[in-house]
Amino acid sequence: MAGKIRRCPSDGTYTLNFSCPACGNETRTAHPARYSPQDRLGKYRRKVRYG
């Protein structure tokens, strides 16, 4: 299972839980998405992220 370590976006705390032990916010995976040259949905993902 990839991406076990998680990070709180508000205070930067690393944890294995789905909620931050320091502030209680929801955590996100600490790893970036895999890169693939054949990324079929990449243009849509970039459009959502960068506008």
PDB file of N, CA and C in Angstrom:
ATOM      1  N   MET A   1       0.842  -1.176   0.000  1.00  0.00           N
ATOM      2  CA  MET A   1       0.000   0.000   0.000  1.00  0.00           C
ATOM      3  C   MET A   1       0.887   1.239   0.000  1.00  0.00           C
ATOM      4  N   ALA A   2       0.784   2.047  -1.016  1.00  0.00           N
ATOM      5  CA  ALA A   2       1.598   3.247  -1.140  1.00  0.00           C
ATOM      6  C   ALA A   2       0.926   4.419  -0.443  1.00  0.00           C
ATOM      7  N   GLY A   3       1.717   5.342   0.023  1.00  0.00           N
ATOM      8  CA  GLY A   3       1.184   6.557   0.605  1.00  0.00           C
ATOM      9  C   GLY A   3       0.624   6.388   2.000  1.00  0.00           C
ATOM     10  N   LYS A   4       1.297   5.639   2.862  1.00  0.00           N
ATOM     11  CA  LYS A   4       0.810   5.472   4.223  1.00  0.00           C
ATOM     12  C   LYS A   4       1.001   6.736   5.043  1.00  0.00           C
ATOM     13  N   ILE A   5       2.108   7.426   4.831  1.00  0.00           N
ATOM     14  CA  ILE A   5       2.379   8.627   5.619  1.00  0.00           C
ATOM     15  C   ILE A   5       1.504   9.761   5.112  1.00  0.00           C
ATOM     16  N   ARG A   6       0.961  10.551   6.034  1.00  0.00           N
ATOM     17  CA  ARG A   6       0.052  11.624   5.684  1.00  0.00           C
ATOM     18  C   ARG A   6       0.543  12.914   6.316  1.00  0.00           C
ATOM     19  N   ARG A   7       0.107  14.057   5.767  1.00  0.00           N
ATOM     20  CA  ARG A   7       0.571  15.360   6.228  1.00  0.00           C
ATOM     21  C   ARG A   7      -0.622  16.296   6.382  1.00  0.00           C
ATOM     22  N   CYS A   8      -0.608  17.061   7.454  1.00  0.00           N
ATOM     23  CA  CYS A   8      -1.655  18.048   7.690  1.00  0.00           C
ATOM     24  C   CYS A   8      -1.336  19.292   6.864  1.00  0.00           C
ATOM     25  N   PRO A   9      -2.275  19.772   6.037  1.00  0.00           N
ATOM     26  CA  PRO A   9      -1.996  20.944   5.207  1.00  0.00           C
ATOM     27  C   PRO A   9      -1.934  22.252   6.002  1.00  0.00           C
ATOM     28  N   SER A  10      -2.544  22.306   7.185  1.00  0.00           N
ATOM     29  CA  SER A  10      -2.563  23.561   7.930  1.00  0.00           C
ATOM     30  C   SER A  10      -1.310  23.778   8.771  1.00  0.00           C
ATOM     31  N   ASP A  11      -0.821  22.748   9.467  1.00  0.00           N
ATOM     32  CA  ASP A  11       0.351  22.956  10.315  1.00  0.00           C
ATOM     33  C   ASP A  11       1.578  22.136   9.916  1.00  0.00           C
ATOM     34  N   GLY A  12       1.455  21.275   8.908  1.00  0.00           N
ATOM     35  CA  GLY A  12       2.609  20.538   8.389  1.00  0.00           C
ATOM     36  C   GLY A  12       3.029  19.339   9.211  1.00  0.00           C
ATOM     37  N   THR A  13       2.191  18.870  10.116  1.00  0.00           N
ATOM     38  CA  THR A  13       2.497  17.717  10.946  1.00  0.00           C
ATOM     39  C   THR A  13       2.367  16.434  10.128  1.00  0.00           C
ATOM     40  N   TYR A  14       3.357  15.547  10.239  1.00  0.00           N
ATOM     41  CA  TYR A  14       3.306  14.244   9.578  1.00  0.00           C
ATOM     42  C   TYR A  14       2.737  13.220  10.546  1.00  0.00           C
ATOM     43  N   THR A  15       1.862  12.335  10.032  1.00  0.00           N
ATOM     44  CA  THR A  15       1.216  11.332  10.865  1.00  0.00           C
ATOM     45  C   THR A  15       0.777  10.150   9.999  1.00  0.00           C
ATOM     46  N   LEU A  16       0.331   9.104  10.622  1.00  0.00           N
ATOM     47  CA  LEU A  16      -0.242   7.959   9.920  1.00  0.00           C
ATOM     48  C   LEU A  16      -1.768   7.966   9.999  1.00  0.00           C
ATOM     49  N   ASN A  17      -2.324   8.893  10.752  1.00  0.00           N
ATOM     50  CA  ASN A  17      -3.771   8.982  10.959  1.00  0.00           C
ATOM     51  C   ASN A  17      -4.431   9.800   9.853  1.00  0.00           C
ATOM     52  N   PHE A  18      -5.745   9.651   9.739  1.00  0.00           N
ATOM     53  CA  PHE A  18      -6.506  10.409   8.760  1.00  0.00           C
ATOM     54  C   PHE A  18      -6.872  11.798   9.284  1.00  0.00           C
ATOM     55  N   SER A  19      -6.676  12.025  10.574  1.00  0.00           N
ATOM     56  CA  SER A  19      -6.879  13.355  11.147  1.00  0.00           C
ATOM     57  C   SER A  19      -5.622  13.748  11.914  1.00  0.00           C
ATOM     58  N   CYS A  20      -5.328  15.035  11.925  1.00  0.00           N
ATOM     59  CA  CYS A  20      -4.120  15.556  12.554  1.00  0.00           C
ATOM     60  C   CYS A  20      -4.245  15.467  14.076  1.00  0.00           C
ATOM     61  N   PRO A  21      -3.243  14.920  14.768  1.00  0.00           N
ATOM     62  CA  PRO A  21      -3.323  14.842  16.227  1.00  0.00           C
ATOM     63  C   PRO A  21      -3.171  16.211  16.898  1.00  0.00           C
ATOM     64  N   ALA A  22      -2.547  17.169  16.225  1.00  0.00           N
ATOM     65  CA  ALA A  22      -2.326  18.489  16.819  1.00  0.00           C
ATOM     66  C   ALA A  22      -3.549  19.397  16.688  1.00  0.00           C
ATOM     67  N   CYS A  23      -4.146  19.454  15.484  1.00  0.00           N
ATOM     68  CA  CYS A  23      -5.243  20.414  15.267  1.00  0.00           C
ATOM     69  C   CYS A  23      -6.573  19.755  14.915  1.00  0.00           C
ATOM     70  N   GLY A  24      -6.582  18.479  14.554  1.00  0.00           N
ATOM     71  CA  GLY A  24      -7.826  17.774  14.259  1.00  0.00           C
ATOM     72  C   GLY A  24      -8.302  17.885  12.816  1.00  0.00           C
ATOM     73  N   ASN A  25      -7.572  18.613  11.955  1.00  0.00           N
ATOM     74  CA  ASN A  25      -7.958  18.729  10.546  1.00  0.00           C
ATOM     75  C   ASN A  25      -7.698  17.432   9.800  1.00  0.00           C
ATOM     76  N   GLU A  26      -8.337  17.277   8.655  1.00  0.00           N
ATOM     77  CA  GLU A  26      -8.140  16.101   7.809  1.00  0.00           C
ATOM     78  C   GLU A  26      -6.757  16.166   7.166  1.00  0.00           C
ATOM     79  N   THR A  27      -6.049  15.047   7.122  1.00  0.00           N
ATOM     80  CA  THR A  27      -4.718  14.996   6.523  1.00  0.00           C
ATOM     81  C   THR A  27      -4.795  14.533   5.081  1.00  0.00           C
ATOM     82  N   ARG A  28      -3.731  14.821   4.330  1.00  0.00           N
ATOM     83  CA  ARG A  28      -3.609  14.404   2.941  1.00  0.00           C
ATOM     84  C   ARG A  28      -2.372  13.544   2.799  1.00  0.00           C
ATOM     85  N   THR A  29      -2.287  12.797   1.720  1.00  0.00           N
ATOM     86  CA  THR A  29      -1.107  11.995   1.484  1.00  0.00           C
ATOM     87  C   THR A  29       0.103  12.913   1.278  1.00  0.00           C
ATOM     88  N   ALA A  30       1.247  12.486   1.767  1.00  0.00           N
ATOM     89  CA  ALA A  30       2.456  13.305   1.701  1.00  0.00           C
ATOM     90  C   ALA A  30       3.226  13.092   0.402  1.00  0.00           C
ATOM     91  N   HIS A  31       2.784  12.163  -0.420  1.00  0.00           N
ATOM     92  CA  HIS A  31       3.492  11.821  -1.645  1.00  0.00           C
ATOM     93  C   HIS A  31       2.805  12.424  -2.863  1.00  0.00           C
ATOM     94  N   PRO A  32       3.573  12.877  -3.847  1.00  0.00           N
ATOM     95  CA  PRO A  32       2.946  13.381  -5.073  1.00  0.00           C
ATOM     96  C   PRO A  32       2.403  12.230  -5.921  1.00  0.00           C
ATOM     97  N   ALA A  33       1.525  12.566  -6.834  1.00  0.00           N
ATOM     98  CA  ALA A  33       0.982  11.549  -7.737  1.00  0.00           C
ATOM     99  C   ALA A  33       2.086  11.052  -8.668  1.00  0.00           C
ATOM    100  N   ARG A  34       1.972   9.837  -9.126  1.00  0.00           N
ATOM    101  CA  ARG A  34       2.967   9.279 -10.042  1.00  0.00           C
ATOM    102  C   ARG A  34       2.922   9.991 -11.379  1.00  0.00           C
ATOM    103  N   TYR A  35       4.079  10.118 -11.992  1.00  0.00           N
ATOM    104  CA  TYR A  35       4.168  10.741 -13.303  1.00  0.00           C
ATOM    105  C   TYR A  35       4.116   9.669 -14.370  1.00  0.00           C
ATOM    106  N   SER A  36       3.340   9.918 -15.397  1.00  0.00           N
ATOM    107  CA  SER A  36       3.269   9.019 -16.528  1.00  0.00           C
ATOM    108  C   SER A  36       3.202   9.850 -17.809  1.00  0.00           C
ATOM    109  N   PRO A  37       4.048   9.570 -18.795  1.00  0.00           N
ATOM    110  CA  PRO A  37       3.978  10.310 -20.054  1.00  0.00           C
ATOM    111  C   PRO A  37       2.657  10.077 -20.796  1.00  0.00           C
ATOM    112  N   GLN A  38       1.992   8.970 -20.521  1.00  0.00           N
ATOM    113  CA  GLN A  38       0.717   8.665 -21.175  1.00  0.00           C
ATOM    114  C   GLN A  38      -0.463   9.072 -20.291  1.00  0.00           C
ATOM    115  N   ASP A  39      -0.313  10.122 -19.501  1.00  0.00           N
ATOM    116  CA  ASP A  39      -1.360  10.577 -18.587  1.00  0.00           C
ATOM    117  C   ASP A  39      -2.544  11.121 -19.386  1.00  0.00           C
ATOM    118  N   ARG A  40      -3.630  10.351 -19.424  1.00  0.00           N
ATOM    119  CA  ARG A  40      -4.795  10.732 -20.220  1.00  0.00           C
ATOM    120  C   ARG A  40      -5.558  11.894 -19.613  1.00  0.00           C
ATOM    121  N   LEU A  41      -5.549  12.018 -18.295  1.00  0.00           N
ATOM    122  CA  LEU A  41      -6.348  13.040 -17.633  1.00  0.00           C
ATOM    123  C   LEU A  41      -5.512  14.201 -17.113  1.00  0.00           C
ATOM    124  N   GLY A  42      -4.247  14.263 -17.479  1.00  0.00           N
ATOM    125  CA  GLY A  42      -3.336  15.284 -16.981  1.00  0.00           C
ATOM    126  C   GLY A  42      -3.758  16.697 -17.305  1.00  0.00           C
ATOM    127  N   LYS A  43      -4.262  16.931 -18.501  1.00  0.00           N
ATOM    128  CA  LYS A  43      -4.655  18.295 -18.868  1.00  0.00           C
ATOM    129  C   LYS A  43      -5.827  18.778 -18.025  1.00  0.00           C
ATOM    130  N   TYR A  44      -6.740  17.885 -17.657  1.00  0.00           N
ATOM    131  CA  TYR A  44      -7.864  18.266 -16.815  1.00  0.00           C
ATOM    132  C   TYR A  44      -7.409  18.528 -15.375  1.00  0.00           C
ATOM    133  N   ARG A  45      -6.488  17.714 -14.884  1.00  0.00           N
ATOM    134  CA  ARG A  45      -5.970  17.887 -13.532  1.00  0.00           C
ATOM    135  C   ARG A  45      -5.231  19.214 -13.407  1.00  0.00           C
ATOM    136  N   ARG A  46      -4.436  19.557 -14.426  1.00  0.00           N
ATOM    137  CA  ARG A  46      -3.728  20.835 -14.399  1.00  0.00           C
ATOM    138  C   ARG A  46      -4.689  22.008 -14.526  1.00  0.00           C
ATOM    139  N   LYS A  47      -5.758  21.850 -15.293  1.00  0.00           N
ATOM    140  CA  LYS A  47      -6.742  22.902 -15.456  1.00  0.00           C
ATOM    141  C   LYS A  47      -7.457  23.206 -14.136  1.00  0.00           C
ATOM    142  N   VAL A  48      -7.797  22.170 -13.386  1.00  0.00           N
ATOM    143  CA  VAL A  48      -8.457  22.346 -12.097  1.00  0.00           C
ATOM    144  C   VAL A  48      -7.498  22.997 -11.101  1.00  0.00           C
ATOM    145  N   ARG A  49      -6.255  22.562 -11.108  1.00  0.00           N
ATOM    146  CA  ARG A  49      -5.301  23.060 -10.126  1.00  0.00           C
ATOM    147  C   ARG A  49      -4.834  24.480 -10.417  1.00  0.00           C
ATOM    148  N   TYR A  50      -4.534  24.795 -11.664  1.00  0.00           N
ATOM    149  CA  TYR A  50      -3.949  26.079 -11.999  1.00  0.00           C
ATOM    150  C   TYR A  50      -4.913  27.039 -12.665  1.00  0.00           C
ATOM    151  N   GLY A  51      -6.112  26.613 -12.902  1.00  0.00           N
ATOM    152  CA  GLY A  51      -7.118  27.529 -13.428  1.00  0.00           C
ATOM    153  C   GLY A  51      -7.210  27.612 -14.852  1.00  0.00           C
TER     154      GLY A  51
END
